[in-house]
Amino acid sequence: MTETKTTWLPFSHWNLRYNPFGELTPSERASVAVVDVEPIAQRLAEGQTAIQFIGKCGRGKTTRLLAIQRHLVVPGSATIYLPPMSWAIPRWWHKTLQIAGTPIIIDEAQRMPPPIRFAIFRRREPLVLGTHRDLTGPLRRAGYRVFTYHVGAQNDPYHVAKVANARLCAARLTAAEVPQLSIQDAQWLVTRFGDDLRAIESFLYNQVQQQVGCNGQMRFID
């Protein structure tokens, strides 16, 4: 007799494979991003252009960088993340820069030490930057056309609902319907957490996780 191995899916009664609000891989984050990438891609194709996304942590900068990278589908392209203490960036980072695709995509770009920033800007290749600090001055001095997007203000209840529902749909188990976050619940979340998407998703993760084994409709707000 052959024993059939089955996998327990604690959210299957909501037609979900997993908790939609847990940590995603970079590829998964890009696939569910609610971002209009096409206008940005058109600007990057115009030559010596720099796009910078400015905002606080958790507002959606990294997601935008990953979505742009996925949309452009440039062989060898990667989002380069600058860790804290960037003065201690090892030599391999310089090798990474040499093989980076176009555009060069850098997350936490405000951490660039001046020598690395100079080396990058003098290449005059299209740039996409996620940053906490406005880099317009050095970019323009290097000859770049700069387009700045401030990230966070657009995280209103309608955008929050779209982001949450994209995650829910991505976790779909079958072709049947999945729970959806209402505008009313999204409004409550924005009232509590403001424009901090990371805090909102963390709250929703805990809310959903607490309902493992429960029956009935999924509750996003107690």
C-alpha atoms as a PDB file:
ATOM      1  CA  MET A   1       0.000   0.000   0.000  1.00  0.00           C
ATOM      2  CA  THR A   2       1.415   3.376  -1.035  1.00  0.00           C
ATOM      3  CA  GLU A   3       1.083   6.195   1.465  1.00  0.00           C
ATOM      4  CA  THR A   4       0.156   9.530  -0.066  1.00  0.00           C
ATOM      5  CA  LYS A   5       1.959  12.507   1.411  1.00  0.00           C
ATOM      6  CA  THR A   6      -0.222  15.565   1.836  1.00  0.00           C
ATOM      7  CA  THR A   7       0.625  19.119   2.820  1.00  0.00           C
ATOM      8  CA  TRP A   8      -1.404  20.911   5.456  1.00  0.00           C
ATOM      9  CA  LEU A   9      -2.661  24.233   4.142  1.00  0.00           C
ATOM     10  CA  PRO A  10      -4.036  26.128   7.149  1.00  0.00           C
ATOM     11  CA  PHE A  11      -5.610  28.856   5.008  1.00  0.00           C
ATOM     12  CA  SER A  12      -7.152  26.585   2.352  1.00  0.00           C
ATOM     13  CA  HIS A  13     -10.723  27.185   3.569  1.00  0.00           C
ATOM     14  CA  TRP A  14     -10.212  30.787   2.422  1.00  0.00           C
ATOM     15  CA  ASN A  15      -8.764  29.474  -0.861  1.00  0.00           C
ATOM     16  CA  LEU A  16      -5.278  30.682   0.112  1.00  0.00           C
ATOM     17  CA  ARG A  17      -2.001  28.747  -0.079  1.00  0.00           C
ATOM     18  CA  TYR A  18      -0.340  30.787   2.676  1.00  0.00           C
ATOM     19  CA  ASN A  19      -0.679  33.950   4.736  1.00  0.00           C
ATOM     20  CA  PRO A  20      -0.559  36.633   2.008  1.00  0.00           C
ATOM     21  CA  PHE A  21       1.071  39.258   4.202  1.00  0.00           C
ATOM     22  CA  GLY A  22       4.247  37.408   5.159  1.00  0.00           C
ATOM     23  CA  GLU A  23       7.728  38.221   3.859  1.00  0.00           C
ATOM     24  CA  LEU A  24       8.040  37.838   0.075  1.00  0.00           C
ATOM     25  CA  THR A  25      11.058  37.122  -2.098  1.00  0.00           C
ATOM     26  CA  PRO A  26      12.239  40.019  -4.290  1.00  0.00           C
ATOM     27  CA  SER A  27      10.684  38.318  -7.325  1.00  0.00           C
ATOM     28  CA  GLU A  28       7.364  37.890  -5.526  1.00  0.00           C
ATOM     29  CA  ARG A  29       7.390  41.504  -4.363  1.00  0.00           C
ATOM     30  CA  ALA A  30       7.934  42.676  -7.911  1.00  0.00           C
ATOM     31  CA  SER A  31       5.128  40.491  -9.257  1.00  0.00           C
ATOM     32  CA  VAL A  32       2.508  41.929  -6.871  1.00  0.00           C
ATOM     33  CA  ALA A  33       3.712  45.546  -7.007  1.00  0.00           C
ATOM     34  CA  VAL A  34       0.999  48.114  -7.680  1.00  0.00           C
ATOM     35  CA  VAL A  35       3.172  50.475  -9.718  1.00  0.00           C
ATOM     36  CA  ASP A  36       2.785  52.094 -13.151  1.00  0.00           C
ATOM     37  CA  VAL A  37       6.246  51.341 -14.501  1.00  0.00           C
ATOM     38  CA  GLU A  38       5.765  52.290 -18.162  1.00  0.00           C
ATOM     39  CA  PRO A  39       6.201  56.107 -17.828  1.00  0.00           C
ATOM     40  CA  ILE A  40       9.384  55.535 -15.813  1.00  0.00           C
ATOM     41  CA  ALA A  41      10.735  53.099 -18.402  1.00  0.00           C
ATOM     42  CA  GLN A  42      10.091  55.672 -21.134  1.00  0.00           C
ATOM     43  CA  ARG A  43      12.056  58.325 -19.263  1.00  0.00           C
ATOM     44  CA  LEU A  44      14.956  55.938 -18.688  1.00  0.00           C
ATOM     45  CA  ALA A  45      15.116  55.311 -22.439  1.00  0.00           C
ATOM     46  CA  GLU A  46      15.707  59.010 -23.120  1.00  0.00           C
ATOM     47  CA  GLY A  47      19.406  58.980 -22.262  1.00  0.00           C
ATOM     48  CA  GLN A  48      21.313  60.283 -19.260  1.00  0.00           C
ATOM     49  CA  THR A  49      18.369  60.090 -16.883  1.00  0.00           C
ATOM     50  CA  ALA A  50      18.181  59.509 -13.138  1.00  0.00           C
ATOM     51  CA  ILE A  51      14.997  58.477 -11.378  1.00  0.00           C
ATOM     52  CA  GLN A  52      14.985  58.848  -7.605  1.00  0.00           C
ATOM     53  CA  PHE A  53      12.323  57.611  -5.215  1.00  0.00           C
ATOM     54  CA  ILE A  54      12.474  59.502  -1.941  1.00  0.00           C
ATOM     55  CA  GLY A  55      10.640  58.419   1.190  1.00  0.00           C
ATOM     56  CA  LYS A  56      10.777  56.982   4.670  1.00  0.00           C
ATOM     57  CA  CYS A  57      11.225  53.287   5.427  1.00  0.00           C
ATOM     58  CA  GLY A  58       8.248  51.090   4.666  1.00  0.00           C
ATOM     59  CA  ARG A  59       6.596  53.399   2.131  1.00  0.00           C
ATOM     60  CA  GLY A  60       7.312  51.349  -1.011  1.00  0.00           C
ATOM     61  CA  LYS A  61      10.653  52.504  -2.432  1.00  0.00           C
ATOM     62  CA  THR A  62      12.233  49.047  -2.676  1.00  0.00           C
ATOM     63  CA  THR A  63       9.095  47.562  -4.220  1.00  0.00           C
ATOM     64  CA  ARG A  64       9.237  50.167  -6.971  1.00  0.00           C
ATOM     65  CA  LEU A  65      12.878  49.387  -7.712  1.00  0.00           C
ATOM     66  CA  LEU A  66      12.106  45.664  -7.957  1.00  0.00           C
ATOM     67  CA  ALA A  67       9.101  46.326 -10.199  1.00  0.00           C
ATOM     68  CA  ILE A  68      11.216  48.446 -12.562  1.00  0.00           C
ATOM     69  CA  GLN A  69      13.920  45.783 -12.709  1.00  0.00           C
ATOM     70  CA  ARG A  70      11.299  43.117 -13.499  1.00  0.00           C
ATOM     71  CA  HIS A  71       9.607  45.273 -16.136  1.00  0.00           C
ATOM     72  CA  LEU A  72      12.810  46.104 -17.995  1.00  0.00           C
ATOM     73  CA  VAL A  73      13.986  42.470 -18.004  1.00  0.00           C
ATOM     74  CA  VAL A  74      17.603  43.471 -18.621  1.00  0.00           C
ATOM     75  CA  PRO A  75      20.011  40.483 -18.588  1.00  0.00           C
ATOM     76  CA  GLY A  76      22.392  40.830 -15.680  1.00  0.00           C
ATOM     77  CA  SER A  77      20.448  43.679 -14.128  1.00  0.00           C
ATOM     78  CA  ALA A  78      20.094  43.613 -10.369  1.00  0.00           C
ATOM     79  CA  THR A  79      18.997  45.894  -7.580  1.00  0.00           C
ATOM     80  CA  ILE A  80      22.116  46.734  -5.574  1.00  0.00           C
ATOM     81  CA  TYR A  81      21.371  47.162  -1.882  1.00  0.00           C
ATOM     82  CA  LEU A  82      23.735  49.356   0.099  1.00  0.00           C
ATOM     83  CA  PRO A  83      23.943  48.152   3.719  1.00  0.00           C
ATOM     84  CA  PRO A  84      24.596  50.391   6.719  1.00  0.00           C
ATOM     85  CA  MET A  85      28.240  51.308   7.236  1.00  0.00           C
ATOM     86  CA  SER A  86      28.744  51.688   3.497  1.00  0.00           C
ATOM     87  CA  TRP A  87      32.282  52.976   4.061  1.00  0.00           C
ATOM     88  CA  ALA A  88      33.114  49.340   4.705  1.00  0.00           C
ATOM     89  CA  ILE A  89      31.749  48.097   1.362  1.00  0.00           C
ATOM     90  CA  PRO A  90      34.052  45.247   0.303  1.00  0.00           C
ATOM     91  CA  ARG A  91      35.858  45.068  -3.028  1.00  0.00           C
ATOM     92  CA  TRP A  92      33.307  42.660  -4.448  1.00  0.00           C
ATOM     93  CA  TRP A  93      30.855  45.571  -4.566  1.00  0.00           C
ATOM     94  CA  HIS A  94      33.065  47.296  -7.125  1.00  0.00           C
ATOM     95  CA  LYS A  95      33.052  44.100  -9.199  1.00  0.00           C
ATOM     96  CA  THR A  96      29.267  44.036  -8.914  1.00  0.00           C
ATOM     97  CA  LEU A  97      29.158  47.569 -10.281  1.00  0.00           C
ATOM     98  CA  GLN A  98      31.272  46.554 -13.260  1.00  0.00           C
ATOM     99  CA  ILE A  99      28.794  43.864 -14.328  1.00  0.00           C
ATOM    100  CA  ALA A 100      25.607  45.699 -13.314  1.00  0.00           C
ATOM    101  CA  GLY A 101      23.015  45.937 -16.049  1.00  0.00           C
ATOM    102  CA  THR A 102      21.428  49.109 -17.397  1.00  0.00           C
ATOM    103  CA  PRO A 103      19.883  50.975 -15.718  1.00  0.00           C
ATOM    104  CA  ILE A 104      21.920  50.785 -12.547  1.00  0.00           C
ATOM    105  CA  ILE A 105      19.413  50.280  -9.723  1.00  0.00           C
ATOM    106  CA  ILE A 106      20.543  51.151  -6.186  1.00  0.00           C
ATOM    107  CA  ASP A 107      18.531  50.840  -2.984  1.00  0.00           C
ATOM    108  CA  GLU A 108      19.463  53.003   0.042  1.00  0.00           C
ATOM    109  CA  ALA A 109      21.451  55.225  -2.313  1.00  0.00           C
ATOM    110  CA  GLN A 110      21.915  57.889   0.374  1.00  0.00           C
ATOM    111  CA  ARG A 111      24.550  55.558   1.879  1.00  0.00           C
ATOM    112  CA  MET A 112      26.886  55.852  -1.116  1.00  0.00           C
ATOM    113  CA  PRO A 113      30.318  57.091  -0.009  1.00  0.00           C
ATOM    114  CA  PRO A 114      31.553  59.950  -2.243  1.00  0.00           C
ATOM    115  CA  PRO A 115      34.154  57.809  -4.096  1.00  0.00           C
ATOM    116  CA  ILE A 116      31.550  55.207  -5.062  1.00  0.00           C
ATOM    117  CA  ARG A 117      28.982  57.872  -5.915  1.00  0.00           C
ATOM    118  CA  PHE A 118      31.536  59.576  -8.166  1.00  0.00           C
ATOM    119  CA  ALA A 119      32.391  56.271  -9.859  1.00  0.00           C
ATOM    120  CA  ILE A 120      28.737  55.536 -10.541  1.00  0.00           C
ATOM    121  CA  PHE A 121      27.702  58.997 -11.710  1.00  0.00           C
ATOM    122  CA  ARG A 122      30.650  59.387 -14.095  1.00  0.00           C
ATOM    123  CA  ARG A 123      29.446  56.335 -16.028  1.00  0.00           C
ATOM    124  CA  ARG A 124      26.465  58.477 -17.119  1.00  0.00           C
ATOM    125  CA  GLU A 125      24.248  55.427 -17.490  1.00  0.00           C
ATOM    126  CA  PRO A 126      20.566  55.564 -16.540  1.00  0.00           C
ATOM    127  CA  LEU A 127      20.033  55.344 -12.790  1.00  0.00           C
ATOM    128  CA  VAL A 128      17.141  54.306 -10.572  1.00  0.00           C
ATOM    129  CA  LEU A 129      17.683  55.183  -6.920  1.00  0.00           C
ATOM    130  CA  GLY A 130      15.784  54.535  -3.712  1.00  0.00           C
ATOM    131  CA  THR A 131      16.929  57.106  -1.185  1.00  0.00           C
ATOM    132  CA  HIS A 132      16.076  58.926   2.025  1.00  0.00           C
ATOM    133  CA  ARG A 133      17.989  62.007   0.870  1.00  0.00           C
ATOM    134  CA  ASP A 134      17.461  64.140  -2.228  1.00  0.00           C
ATOM    135  CA  LEU A 135      20.435  63.579  -4.557  1.00  0.00           C
ATOM    136  CA  THR A 136      19.328  66.080  -7.199  1.00  0.00           C
ATOM    137  CA  GLY A 137      22.367  68.353  -6.700  1.00  0.00           C
ATOM    138  CA  PRO A 138      25.160  65.831  -7.344  1.00  0.00           C
ATOM    139  CA  LEU A 139      23.144  64.153 -10.085  1.00  0.00           C
ATOM    140  CA  ARG A 140      22.669  67.392 -12.014  1.00  0.00           C
ATOM    141  CA  ARG A 141      26.307  68.331 -11.559  1.00  0.00           C
ATOM    142  CA  ALA A 142      27.151  65.010 -13.182  1.00  0.00           C
ATOM    143  CA  GLY A 143      24.958  65.932 -16.164  1.00  0.00           C
ATOM    144  CA  TYR A 144      21.839  63.916 -15.357  1.00  0.00           C
ATOM    145  CA  ARG A 145      18.239  64.819 -16.055  1.00  0.00           C
ATOM    146  CA  VAL A 146      16.593  64.090 -12.709  1.00  0.00           C
ATOM    147  CA  PHE A 147      13.024  62.964 -12.072  1.00  0.00           C
ATOM    148  CA  THR A 148      11.980  62.740  -8.425  1.00  0.00           C
ATOM    149  CA  TYR A 149       9.075  60.732  -7.011  1.00  0.00           C
ATOM    150  CA  HIS A 150       8.126  61.227  -3.377  1.00  0.00           C
ATOM    151  CA  VAL A 151       6.883  57.894  -2.049  1.00  0.00           C
ATOM    152  CA  GLY A 152       4.242  57.678   0.663  1.00  0.00           C
ATOM    153  CA  ALA A 153       1.681  60.378  -0.065  1.00  0.00           C
ATOM    154  CA  GLN A 154      -0.118  58.104  -2.528  1.00  0.00           C
ATOM    155  CA  ASN A 155      -0.640  55.413   0.125  1.00  0.00           C
ATOM    156  CA  ASP A 156      -4.278  56.344   0.651  1.00  0.00           C
ATOM    157  CA  PRO A 157      -7.045  53.804   1.427  1.00  0.00           C
ATOM    158  CA  TYR A 158      -7.580  53.008  -2.262  1.00  0.00           C
ATOM    159  CA  HIS A 159      -3.907  52.239  -2.820  1.00  0.00           C
ATOM    160  CA  VAL A 160      -3.670  50.250   0.416  1.00  0.00           C
ATOM    161  CA  ALA A 161      -6.664  48.152  -0.677  1.00  0.00           C
ATOM    162  CA  LYS A 162      -5.071  47.512  -4.088  1.00  0.00           C
ATOM    163  CA  VAL A 163      -1.768  46.452  -2.512  1.00  0.00           C
ATOM    164  CA  ALA A 164      -3.437  44.141  -0.001  1.00  0.00           C
ATOM    165  CA  ASN A 165      -5.772  42.593  -2.571  1.00  0.00           C
ATOM    166  CA  ALA A 166      -2.901  41.990  -4.999  1.00  0.00           C
ATOM    167  CA  ARG A 167      -1.176  39.980  -2.259  1.00  0.00           C
ATOM    168  CA  LEU A 168      -4.359  38.066  -1.513  1.00  0.00           C
ATOM    169  CA  CYS A 169      -4.824  37.182  -5.192  1.00  0.00           C
ATOM    170  CA  ALA A 170      -1.190  36.073  -5.484  1.00  0.00           C
ATOM    171  CA  ALA A 171      -1.783  33.578  -2.647  1.00  0.00           C
ATOM    172  CA  ARG A 172      -4.850  32.090  -4.383  1.00  0.00           C
ATOM    173  CA  LEU A 173      -5.084  28.302  -4.129  1.00  0.00           C
ATOM    174  CA  THR A 174      -7.625  27.640  -6.900  1.00  0.00           C
ATOM    175  CA  ALA A 175      -9.490  29.724  -9.455  1.00  0.00           C
ATOM    176  CA  ALA A 176     -12.220  30.445  -6.895  1.00  0.00           C
ATOM    177  CA  GLU A 177     -12.604  33.777  -5.111  1.00  0.00           C
ATOM    178  CA  VAL A 178     -10.352  34.877  -2.252  1.00  0.00           C
ATOM    179  CA  PRO A 179     -11.040  37.347   0.582  1.00  0.00           C
ATOM    180  CA  GLN A 180     -10.612  41.009  -0.305  1.00  0.00           C
ATOM    181  CA  LEU A 181      -9.799  44.018   1.859  1.00  0.00           C
ATOM    182  CA  SER A 182     -12.572  46.605   1.723  1.00  0.00           C
ATOM    183  CA  ILE A 183     -12.057  50.344   1.358  1.00  0.00           C
ATOM    184  CA  GLN A 184     -13.602  50.755   4.800  1.00  0.00           C
ATOM    185  CA  ASP A 185     -11.012  48.459   6.388  1.00  0.00           C
ATOM    186  CA  ALA A 186      -8.254  50.168   4.390  1.00  0.00           C
ATOM    187  CA  GLN A 187      -9.424  53.523   5.726  1.00  0.00           C
ATOM    188  CA  TRP A 188      -9.150  52.196   9.292  1.00  0.00           C
ATOM    189  CA  LEU A 189      -5.610  50.976   8.587  1.00  0.00           C
ATOM    190  CA  VAL A 190      -4.527  54.321   7.121  1.00  0.00           C
ATOM    191  CA  THR A 191      -6.039  56.152  10.089  1.00  0.00           C
ATOM    192  CA  ARG A 192      -4.004  53.973  12.458  1.00  0.00           C
ATOM    193  CA  PHE A 193      -0.723  53.554  10.550  1.00  0.00           C
ATOM    194  CA  GLY A 194      -0.665  56.483   8.157  1.00  0.00           C
ATOM    195  CA  ASP A 195       1.268  55.837   4.934  1.00  0.00           C
ATOM    196  CA  ASP A 196       3.490  53.101   6.423  1.00  0.00           C
ATOM    197  CA  LEU A 197       2.741  50.098   4.189  1.00  0.00           C
ATOM    198  CA  ARG A 198       5.220  47.898   6.023  1.00  0.00           C
ATOM    199  CA  ALA A 199       3.418  48.461   9.327  1.00  0.00           C
ATOM    200  CA  ILE A 200       0.057  47.827   7.664  1.00  0.00           C
ATOM    201  CA  GLU A 201       1.230  44.538   6.137  1.00  0.00           C
ATOM    202  CA  SER A 202       2.736  43.436   9.457  1.00  0.00           C
ATOM    203  CA  PHE A 203      -0.564  44.138  11.210  1.00  0.00           C
ATOM    204  CA  LEU A 204      -2.512  42.214   8.548  1.00  0.00           C
ATOM    205  CA  TYR A 205      -0.099  39.280   8.793  1.00  0.00           C
ATOM    206  CA  ASN A 206      -0.748  38.976  12.522  1.00  0.00           C
ATOM    207  CA  GLN A 207      -4.495  39.391  12.059  1.00  0.00           C
ATOM    208  CA  VAL A 208      -4.631  36.581   9.500  1.00  0.00           C
ATOM    209  CA  GLN A 209      -2.217  34.354  11.411  1.00  0.00           C
ATOM    210  CA  GLN A 210      -4.387  34.516  14.522  1.00  0.00           C
ATOM    211  CA  GLN A 211      -7.283  33.042  12.538  1.00  0.00           C
ATOM    212  CA  VAL A 212      -5.578  29.739  11.689  1.00  0.00           C
ATOM    213  CA  GLY A 213      -8.090  26.984  12.386  1.00  0.00           C
ATOM    214  CA  CYS A 214     -11.030  29.396  12.545  1.00  0.00           C
ATOM    215  CA  ASN A 215     -14.079  29.095  10.350  1.00  0.00           C
ATOM    216  CA  GLY A 216     -16.146  31.793   8.753  1.00  0.00           C
ATOM    217  CA  GLN A 217     -15.195  34.969   6.943  1.00  0.00           C
ATOM    218  CA  MET A 218     -11.641  36.250   7.218  1.00  0.00           C
ATOM    219  CA  ARG A 219     -11.458  39.337   9.429  1.00  0.00           C
ATOM    220  CA  PHE A 220      -8.851  41.974   8.659  1.00  0.00           C
ATOM    221  CA  ILE A 221      -9.958  44.313  11.451  1.00  0.00           C
ATOM    222  CA  ASP A 222     -11.196  43.155  14.864  1.00  0.00           C
END
